[in-house]
């Protein structure tokens, strides 16, 4: 979390309100079959499999994800995440994208923002997707210790 001054708009209770509002807007769009886009903070987004470094580093910190066609059809929503499949880069590298709802800054339909999130999320950033999964796993001391213990 940044060093912003505590206000009612970045409190956990306000974040819950914003998260619920985003959920309801996205749920409505999905139920009605209305394709949409989200503008989201890349710092909190998970890609599985991780994007190749060249593609990931080309994405802006605040990225636009358009959910149309297969991405829209593959989309699902749970209480706090939007999940969909998408292709990236010229080679259309496939990945499952998981976006925490509070990382979504806008929900957009036909170039019009229909929901704007002003809450500062209480989320942990995702480990940079430019690392491979073993590097990510070994970046935590307790994982290294557990792996070493299992080898002995």
N, C-alpha and C. Protein backbone atom coordinates (compact mmCIF):
# COMPACT_ATOMS: atom_id res chain seq x y z
N UNK A 1 0.85 -1.18 0.00
CA UNK A 1 0.00 0.00 0.00
C UNK A 1 0.88 1.23 0.00
N UNK A 2 0.50 2.24 -0.71
CA UNK A 2 1.29 3.47 -0.76
C UNK A 2 1.13 4.24 0.54
N UNK A 3 1.85 5.33 0.63
CA UNK A 3 1.82 6.12 1.86
C UNK A 3 0.72 7.17 1.85
N UNK A 4 -0.37 6.90 1.15
CA UNK A 4 -1.49 7.84 1.15
C UNK A 4 -2.05 7.99 2.55
N UNK A 5 -2.57 9.18 2.81
CA UNK A 5 -3.19 9.45 4.10
C UNK A 5 -4.45 8.58 4.24
N UNK A 6 -4.68 8.07 5.45
CA UNK A 6 -5.87 7.27 5.69
C UNK A 6 -7.10 8.14 5.52
N UNK A 7 -8.01 7.69 4.68
CA UNK A 7 -9.28 8.38 4.46
C UNK A 7 -10.36 7.31 4.45
N UNK A 8 -11.61 7.72 4.55
CA UNK A 8 -12.69 6.73 4.45
C UNK A 8 -12.68 6.00 3.11
N UNK A 9 -12.10 6.60 2.07
CA UNK A 9 -12.13 6.01 0.74
C UNK A 9 -11.05 4.97 0.50
N UNK A 10 -10.10 4.84 1.42
CA UNK A 10 -9.14 3.74 1.28
C UNK A 10 -9.17 2.83 2.51
N UNK A 11 -10.28 2.88 3.23
CA UNK A 11 -10.45 1.97 4.37
C UNK A 11 -10.90 0.60 3.87
N UNK A 12 -10.71 -0.40 4.69
CA UNK A 12 -11.13 -1.76 4.31
C UNK A 12 -12.64 -1.82 4.07
N UNK A 13 -13.41 -1.09 4.84
CA UNK A 13 -14.87 -1.13 4.65
C UNK A 13 -15.27 -0.52 3.31
N UNK A 14 -14.60 0.57 2.90
CA UNK A 14 -14.91 1.15 1.59
C UNK A 14 -14.45 0.23 0.47
N UNK A 15 -13.30 -0.42 0.65
CA UNK A 15 -12.81 -1.37 -0.35
C UNK A 15 -13.82 -2.49 -0.57
N UNK A 16 -14.46 -2.94 0.50
CA UNK A 16 -15.47 -4.00 0.36
C UNK A 16 -16.66 -3.51 -0.46
N UNK A 17 -17.05 -2.25 -0.25
CA UNK A 17 -18.15 -1.67 -1.03
C UNK A 17 -17.77 -1.62 -2.51
N UNK A 18 -16.56 -1.13 -2.80
CA UNK A 18 -16.10 -1.03 -4.19
C UNK A 18 -16.00 -2.42 -4.83
N UNK A 19 -15.47 -3.37 -4.08
CA UNK A 19 -15.32 -4.73 -4.60
C UNK A 19 -16.69 -5.32 -4.96
N UNK A 20 -17.66 -5.12 -4.10
CA UNK A 20 -19.02 -5.62 -4.35
C UNK A 20 -19.64 -4.93 -5.57
N UNK A 21 -19.42 -3.63 -5.69
CA UNK A 21 -19.94 -2.88 -6.84
C UNK A 21 -19.33 -3.40 -8.15
N UNK A 22 -18.01 -3.60 -8.16
CA UNK A 22 -17.36 -4.13 -9.36
C UNK A 22 -17.90 -5.52 -9.69
N UNK A 23 -18.05 -6.35 -8.67
CA UNK A 23 -18.60 -7.69 -8.86
C UNK A 23 -19.98 -7.61 -9.52
N UNK A 24 -20.85 -6.77 -8.98
CA UNK A 24 -22.22 -6.68 -9.50
C UNK A 24 -22.26 -6.16 -10.93
N UNK A 25 -21.41 -5.18 -11.25
CA UNK A 25 -21.36 -4.65 -12.62
C UNK A 25 -20.89 -5.73 -13.60
N UNK A 26 -19.81 -6.42 -13.25
CA UNK A 26 -19.26 -7.45 -14.13
C UNK A 26 -20.22 -8.63 -14.24
N UNK A 27 -20.82 -9.01 -13.14
CA UNK A 27 -21.81 -10.11 -13.17
C UNK A 27 -22.96 -9.77 -14.11
N UNK A 28 -23.46 -8.55 -14.03
CA UNK A 28 -24.53 -8.10 -14.92
C UNK A 28 -24.11 -8.21 -16.39
N UNK A 29 -22.93 -7.70 -16.70
CA UNK A 29 -22.46 -7.72 -18.08
C UNK A 29 -22.32 -9.16 -18.59
N UNK A 30 -21.80 -10.03 -17.76
CA UNK A 30 -21.63 -11.42 -18.16
C UNK A 30 -22.99 -12.10 -18.36
N UNK A 31 -23.93 -11.86 -17.47
CA UNK A 31 -25.26 -12.46 -17.58
C UNK A 31 -25.99 -11.97 -18.83
N UNK A 32 -25.78 -10.72 -19.19
CA UNK A 32 -26.45 -10.13 -20.34
C UNK A 32 -25.70 -10.39 -21.65
N UNK A 33 -24.53 -11.00 -21.57
CA UNK A 33 -23.75 -11.28 -22.77
C UNK A 33 -23.13 -10.04 -23.38
N UNK A 34 -22.85 -9.04 -22.56
CA UNK A 34 -22.29 -7.77 -23.03
C UNK A 34 -20.77 -7.82 -22.86
N UNK A 35 -20.05 -7.75 -23.99
CA UNK A 35 -18.60 -7.75 -23.92
C UNK A 35 -18.12 -6.43 -23.33
N UNK A 36 -16.99 -6.49 -22.63
CA UNK A 36 -16.51 -5.31 -21.91
C UNK A 36 -15.00 -5.35 -21.81
N UNK A 37 -14.45 -4.31 -21.25
CA UNK A 37 -13.01 -4.23 -21.01
C UNK A 37 -12.80 -3.80 -19.57
N UNK A 38 -11.63 -4.13 -19.05
CA UNK A 38 -11.25 -3.65 -17.72
C UNK A 38 -9.89 -2.99 -17.82
N UNK A 39 -9.73 -1.93 -17.08
CA UNK A 39 -8.45 -1.26 -16.92
C UNK A 39 -7.97 -1.67 -15.54
N UNK A 40 -6.80 -2.32 -15.49
CA UNK A 40 -6.36 -2.89 -14.22
C UNK A 40 -4.88 -2.65 -13.97
N UNK A 41 -4.53 -2.68 -12.69
CA UNK A 41 -3.16 -2.48 -12.24
C UNK A 41 -2.39 -3.80 -12.38
N UNK A 42 -1.42 -3.81 -13.25
CA UNK A 42 -0.64 -5.00 -13.58
C UNK A 42 0.08 -5.60 -12.37
N UNK A 43 0.36 -4.78 -11.39
CA UNK A 43 1.10 -5.22 -10.20
C UNK A 43 0.40 -6.35 -9.45
N UNK A 44 -0.91 -6.46 -9.59
CA UNK A 44 -1.68 -7.43 -8.83
C UNK A 44 -2.23 -8.58 -9.69
N UNK A 45 -1.91 -8.59 -10.97
CA UNK A 45 -2.48 -9.57 -11.90
C UNK A 45 -1.59 -10.79 -12.02
N UNK A 46 -2.23 -11.96 -12.05
CA UNK A 46 -1.50 -13.22 -12.21
C UNK A 46 -1.76 -13.77 -13.61
N UNK A 47 -0.70 -14.24 -14.26
CA UNK A 47 -0.79 -14.88 -15.57
C UNK A 47 -0.32 -16.32 -15.41
N UNK A 48 -1.14 -17.27 -15.90
CA UNK A 48 -0.77 -18.68 -15.77
C UNK A 48 -1.01 -19.38 -17.11
N UNK A 49 0.02 -19.80 -17.82
CA UNK A 49 1.42 -19.70 -17.45
C UNK A 49 1.90 -18.25 -17.52
N UNK A 50 3.01 -17.98 -16.82
CA UNK A 50 3.55 -16.62 -16.86
C UNK A 50 3.85 -16.19 -18.30
N UNK A 51 3.65 -14.92 -18.56
CA UNK A 51 3.95 -14.39 -19.89
C UNK A 51 5.46 -14.38 -20.11
N UNK A 52 5.89 -14.59 -21.36
CA UNK A 52 7.32 -14.42 -21.64
C UNK A 52 7.76 -13.01 -21.24
N UNK A 53 8.99 -12.90 -20.80
CA UNK A 53 9.52 -11.64 -20.29
C UNK A 53 9.31 -10.49 -21.28
N UNK A 54 9.55 -10.75 -22.56
CA UNK A 54 9.43 -9.68 -23.57
C UNK A 54 8.00 -9.14 -23.67
N UNK A 55 7.01 -10.03 -23.52
CA UNK A 55 5.62 -9.60 -23.58
C UNK A 55 5.22 -8.89 -22.28
N UNK A 56 5.59 -9.48 -21.14
CA UNK A 56 5.22 -8.90 -19.85
C UNK A 56 5.79 -7.49 -19.69
N UNK A 57 7.05 -7.32 -20.04
CA UNK A 57 7.69 -6.01 -19.88
C UNK A 57 7.14 -4.96 -20.83
N UNK A 58 6.45 -5.38 -21.90
CA UNK A 58 5.87 -4.43 -22.84
C UNK A 58 4.51 -3.92 -22.36
N UNK A 59 3.91 -4.60 -21.38
CA UNK A 59 2.60 -4.17 -20.88
C UNK A 59 2.76 -2.95 -19.98
N UNK A 60 1.88 -1.97 -20.13
CA UNK A 60 1.94 -0.82 -19.23
C UNK A 60 1.48 -1.21 -17.82
N UNK A 61 1.92 -0.45 -16.82
CA UNK A 61 1.56 -0.72 -15.42
C UNK A 61 0.04 -0.75 -15.24
N UNK A 62 -0.65 0.13 -15.91
CA UNK A 62 -2.11 0.14 -15.92
C UNK A 62 -2.50 -0.30 -17.33
N UNK A 63 -3.05 -1.52 -17.43
CA UNK A 63 -3.31 -2.13 -18.73
C UNK A 63 -4.80 -2.29 -19.00
N UNK A 64 -5.14 -2.25 -20.27
CA UNK A 64 -6.51 -2.47 -20.73
C UNK A 64 -6.62 -3.91 -21.21
N UNK A 65 -7.61 -4.63 -20.69
CA UNK A 65 -7.88 -6.00 -21.11
C UNK A 65 -9.29 -6.02 -21.70
N UNK A 66 -9.38 -6.39 -22.97
CA UNK A 66 -10.67 -6.43 -23.66
C UNK A 66 -11.21 -7.84 -23.61
N UNK A 67 -12.37 -7.99 -23.01
CA UNK A 67 -13.00 -9.30 -22.91
C UNK A 67 -14.05 -9.40 -24.01
N UNK A 68 -13.62 -9.95 -25.14
CA UNK A 68 -14.52 -10.19 -26.26
C UNK A 68 -14.15 -11.53 -26.87
N UNK A 69 -15.06 -12.09 -27.64
CA UNK A 69 -14.79 -13.38 -28.27
C UNK A 69 -14.47 -14.44 -27.23
N UNK A 70 -13.37 -15.18 -27.47
CA UNK A 70 -13.01 -16.27 -26.57
C UNK A 70 -12.69 -15.80 -25.16
N UNK A 71 -12.05 -14.64 -25.01
CA UNK A 71 -11.75 -14.12 -23.67
C UNK A 71 -13.03 -13.91 -22.88
N UNK A 72 -14.06 -13.39 -23.53
CA UNK A 72 -15.35 -13.18 -22.86
C UNK A 72 -16.00 -14.52 -22.54
N UNK A 73 -15.99 -15.44 -23.51
CA UNK A 73 -16.61 -16.75 -23.31
C UNK A 73 -15.93 -17.55 -22.20
N UNK A 74 -14.64 -17.39 -22.05
CA UNK A 74 -13.90 -18.13 -21.03
C UNK A 74 -13.94 -17.45 -19.66
N UNK A 75 -14.50 -16.25 -19.58
CA UNK A 75 -14.45 -15.48 -18.33
C UNK A 75 -15.35 -16.09 -17.26
N UNK A 76 -14.87 -15.95 -16.04
CA UNK A 76 -15.66 -16.35 -14.88
C UNK A 76 -15.34 -15.37 -13.75
N UNK A 77 -16.23 -15.35 -12.81
CA UNK A 77 -16.16 -14.38 -11.73
C UNK A 77 -16.37 -15.12 -10.42
N UNK A 78 -15.49 -14.83 -9.45
CA UNK A 78 -15.77 -15.33 -8.10
C UNK A 78 -15.88 -14.12 -7.19
N UNK A 79 -16.00 -14.32 -5.90
CA UNK A 79 -16.27 -13.21 -4.99
C UNK A 79 -15.27 -12.06 -5.09
N UNK A 80 -14.01 -12.36 -5.43
CA UNK A 80 -13.03 -11.29 -5.45
C UNK A 80 -12.08 -11.30 -6.63
N UNK A 81 -12.39 -12.09 -7.69
CA UNK A 81 -11.50 -12.15 -8.85
C UNK A 81 -12.28 -12.30 -10.16
N UNK A 82 -11.72 -11.71 -11.20
CA UNK A 82 -12.17 -11.92 -12.56
C UNK A 82 -11.10 -12.77 -13.24
N UNK A 83 -11.52 -13.87 -13.86
CA UNK A 83 -10.58 -14.81 -14.47
C UNK A 83 -11.01 -15.04 -15.92
N UNK A 84 -10.03 -15.01 -16.84
CA UNK A 84 -10.33 -15.27 -18.25
C UNK A 84 -9.07 -15.70 -18.96
N UNK A 85 -9.25 -16.29 -20.15
CA UNK A 85 -8.12 -16.68 -20.97
C UNK A 85 -7.92 -15.63 -22.05
N UNK A 86 -6.65 -15.38 -22.37
CA UNK A 86 -6.35 -14.37 -23.39
C UNK A 86 -5.05 -14.73 -24.09
N UNK A 87 -4.89 -14.20 -25.30
CA UNK A 87 -3.65 -14.35 -26.05
C UNK A 87 -2.90 -13.03 -26.04
N UNK A 88 -1.56 -13.11 -25.97
CA UNK A 88 -0.73 -11.90 -25.86
C UNK A 88 0.38 -11.92 -26.90
N UNK A 89 0.71 -10.74 -27.39
CA UNK A 89 1.82 -10.59 -28.32
C UNK A 89 1.48 -11.09 -29.72
N UNK A 90 2.43 -10.90 -30.62
CA UNK A 90 2.20 -11.31 -32.02
C UNK A 90 2.05 -12.82 -32.15
N UNK A 91 2.67 -13.56 -31.22
CA UNK A 91 2.54 -15.02 -31.27
C UNK A 91 1.29 -15.52 -30.56
N UNK A 92 0.45 -14.60 -30.04
CA UNK A 92 -0.81 -14.93 -29.37
C UNK A 92 -0.59 -15.94 -28.25
N UNK A 93 0.40 -15.66 -27.40
CA UNK A 93 0.75 -16.53 -26.27
C UNK A 93 -0.45 -16.63 -25.34
N UNK A 94 -0.94 -17.84 -25.10
CA UNK A 94 -2.13 -18.06 -24.28
C UNK A 94 -1.82 -18.10 -22.81
N UNK A 95 -2.65 -17.45 -22.00
CA UNK A 95 -2.48 -17.44 -20.56
C UNK A 95 -3.83 -17.22 -19.89
N UNK A 96 -3.99 -17.79 -18.71
CA UNK A 96 -5.17 -17.52 -17.89
C UNK A 96 -4.83 -16.31 -17.03
N UNK A 97 -5.67 -15.30 -17.12
CA UNK A 97 -5.45 -14.03 -16.42
C UNK A 97 -6.37 -13.99 -15.20
N UNK A 98 -5.79 -13.74 -14.03
CA UNK A 98 -6.56 -13.62 -12.80
C UNK A 98 -6.35 -12.21 -12.25
N UNK A 99 -7.45 -11.46 -12.20
CA UNK A 99 -7.39 -10.08 -11.73
C UNK A 99 -8.23 -9.93 -10.47
N UNK A 100 -7.60 -9.59 -9.35
CA UNK A 100 -8.41 -9.28 -8.16
C UNK A 100 -9.32 -8.09 -8.48
N UNK A 101 -10.57 -8.16 -8.05
CA UNK A 101 -11.51 -7.08 -8.39
C UNK A 101 -11.00 -5.72 -7.96
N UNK A 102 -10.35 -5.63 -6.82
CA UNK A 102 -9.86 -4.32 -6.36
C UNK A 102 -8.69 -3.80 -7.18
N UNK A 103 -8.10 -4.64 -8.04
CA UNK A 103 -7.04 -4.17 -8.94
C UNK A 103 -7.63 -3.55 -10.21
N UNK A 104 -8.94 -3.70 -10.39
CA UNK A 104 -9.63 -3.12 -11.55
C UNK A 104 -9.92 -1.66 -11.24
N UNK A 105 -9.43 -0.78 -12.11
CA UNK A 105 -9.66 0.65 -11.92
C UNK A 105 -10.90 1.14 -12.66
N UNK A 106 -11.22 0.48 -13.80
CA UNK A 106 -12.42 0.84 -14.55
C UNK A 106 -12.98 -0.39 -15.24
N UNK A 107 -14.29 -0.40 -15.39
CA UNK A 107 -14.98 -1.36 -16.25
C UNK A 107 -15.54 -0.51 -17.38
N UNK A 108 -15.26 -0.92 -18.62
CA UNK A 108 -15.58 -0.10 -19.79
C UNK A 108 -16.45 -0.89 -20.77
N UNK A 109 -17.51 -0.25 -21.27
CA UNK A 109 -18.36 -0.82 -22.32
C UNK A 109 -18.44 0.21 -23.45
N UNK A 110 -18.08 -0.22 -24.65
CA UNK A 110 -18.12 0.67 -25.82
C UNK A 110 -17.43 2.01 -25.56
N UNK A 111 -16.26 1.96 -24.99
CA UNK A 111 -15.43 3.13 -24.70
C UNK A 111 -15.97 4.04 -23.60
N UNK A 112 -17.01 3.59 -22.88
CA UNK A 112 -17.56 4.39 -21.78
C UNK A 112 -17.31 3.68 -20.46
N UNK A 113 -16.66 4.35 -19.51
CA UNK A 113 -16.47 3.71 -18.20
C UNK A 113 -17.82 3.61 -17.48
N UNK A 114 -18.21 2.40 -17.11
CA UNK A 114 -19.48 2.22 -16.41
C UNK A 114 -19.26 2.00 -14.92
N UNK A 115 -18.02 1.70 -14.52
CA UNK A 115 -17.68 1.58 -13.11
C UNK A 115 -16.25 2.06 -12.93
N UNK A 116 -16.06 2.89 -11.92
CA UNK A 116 -14.73 3.41 -11.61
C UNK A 116 -14.44 3.09 -10.15
N UNK A 117 -13.29 2.47 -9.92
CA UNK A 117 -12.88 2.08 -8.58
C UNK A 117 -11.89 3.12 -8.05
N UNK A 118 -12.26 3.82 -6.99
CA UNK A 118 -11.35 4.82 -6.42
C UNK A 118 -10.69 4.33 -5.13
N UNK A 119 -11.00 3.09 -4.73
CA UNK A 119 -10.42 2.55 -3.51
C UNK A 119 -8.98 2.11 -3.76
N UNK A 120 -8.16 2.30 -2.75
CA UNK A 120 -6.79 1.80 -2.81
C UNK A 120 -6.83 0.37 -2.30
N UNK A 121 -6.43 -0.59 -3.13
CA UNK A 121 -6.60 -1.98 -2.71
C UNK A 121 -5.66 -2.39 -1.58
N UNK A 122 -6.17 -3.26 -0.73
CA UNK A 122 -5.36 -3.88 0.31
C UNK A 122 -4.94 -5.24 -0.22
N UNK A 123 -4.07 -5.23 -1.21
CA UNK A 123 -3.65 -6.45 -1.89
C UNK A 123 -2.14 -6.57 -1.84
N UNK A 124 -1.66 -7.79 -1.90
CA UNK A 124 -0.23 -8.03 -2.00
C UNK A 124 0.13 -8.10 -3.48
N UNK A 125 1.16 -7.39 -3.92
CA UNK A 125 1.57 -7.49 -5.32
C UNK A 125 1.98 -8.93 -5.65
N UNK A 126 1.74 -9.31 -6.90
CA UNK A 126 2.16 -10.62 -7.40
C UNK A 126 3.65 -10.54 -7.71
N UNK A 127 4.37 -11.64 -7.48
CA UNK A 127 5.79 -11.69 -7.85
C UNK A 127 5.88 -11.49 -9.35
N UNK A 128 6.84 -10.71 -9.79
CA UNK A 128 7.01 -10.38 -11.20
C UNK A 128 6.93 -11.62 -12.07
N UNK A 129 6.09 -11.55 -13.09
CA UNK A 129 5.91 -12.68 -14.00
C UNK A 129 7.10 -12.89 -14.91
N UNK A 130 8.10 -12.02 -14.86
CA UNK A 130 9.28 -12.22 -15.68
C UNK A 130 10.18 -13.30 -15.07
N UNK A 131 9.90 -13.71 -13.82
CA UNK A 131 10.65 -14.80 -13.20
C UNK A 131 9.98 -16.11 -13.57
N UNK A 132 10.76 -17.18 -13.63
CA UNK A 132 10.10 -18.46 -13.83
C UNK A 132 9.55 -18.96 -12.50
N UNK A 133 8.72 -19.99 -12.53
CA UNK A 133 8.05 -20.42 -11.31
C UNK A 133 9.01 -20.95 -10.25
N UNK A 134 10.10 -21.59 -10.65
CA UNK A 134 11.06 -22.08 -9.65
C UNK A 134 11.75 -20.92 -8.96
N UNK A 135 12.10 -19.87 -9.71
CA UNK A 135 12.71 -18.69 -9.09
C UNK A 135 11.73 -18.06 -8.10
N UNK A 136 10.46 -17.99 -8.49
CA UNK A 136 9.45 -17.42 -7.61
C UNK A 136 9.31 -18.27 -6.36
N UNK A 137 9.28 -19.57 -6.52
CA UNK A 137 9.17 -20.48 -5.38
C UNK A 137 10.36 -20.32 -4.44
N UNK A 138 11.56 -20.26 -5.00
CA UNK A 138 12.77 -20.20 -4.19
C UNK A 138 13.06 -18.80 -3.65
N UNK A 139 12.30 -17.82 -4.06
CA UNK A 139 12.53 -16.46 -3.57
C UNK A 139 12.11 -16.31 -2.10
N UNK A 140 11.33 -17.24 -1.59
CA UNK A 140 10.91 -17.21 -0.18
C UNK A 140 11.78 -18.18 0.61
N UNK A 141 12.38 -17.70 1.69
CA UNK A 141 13.31 -18.50 2.50
C UNK A 141 12.67 -19.78 3.02
N UNK A 142 11.40 -19.70 3.45
CA UNK A 142 10.76 -20.90 3.99
C UNK A 142 10.59 -21.99 2.93
N UNK A 143 10.40 -21.61 1.67
CA UNK A 143 10.31 -22.60 0.59
C UNK A 143 11.67 -23.25 0.34
N UNK A 144 12.73 -22.44 0.36
CA UNK A 144 14.08 -22.99 0.17
C UNK A 144 14.41 -23.98 1.27
N UNK A 145 14.06 -23.62 2.52
CA UNK A 145 14.33 -24.50 3.66
C UNK A 145 13.55 -25.80 3.55
N UNK A 146 12.29 -25.71 3.15
CA UNK A 146 11.47 -26.90 3.00
C UNK A 146 12.01 -27.82 1.91
N UNK A 147 12.42 -27.24 0.79
CA UNK A 147 12.97 -28.02 -0.31
C UNK A 147 14.27 -28.70 0.12
N UNK A 148 15.12 -27.96 0.83
CA UNK A 148 16.39 -28.51 1.32
C UNK A 148 16.14 -29.65 2.30
N UNK A 149 15.17 -29.46 3.19
CA UNK A 149 14.80 -30.46 4.19
C UNK A 149 14.32 -31.75 3.52
N UNK A 150 13.53 -31.63 2.45
CA UNK A 150 13.00 -32.78 1.75
C UNK A 150 14.08 -33.52 0.95
N UNK A 151 15.14 -32.84 0.55
CA UNK A 151 16.24 -33.47 -0.17
C UNK A 151 17.11 -34.31 0.75
N UNK A 152 17.21 -33.89 2.03
CA UNK A 152 18.10 -34.58 3.00
C UNK A 152 17.54 -35.91 3.44
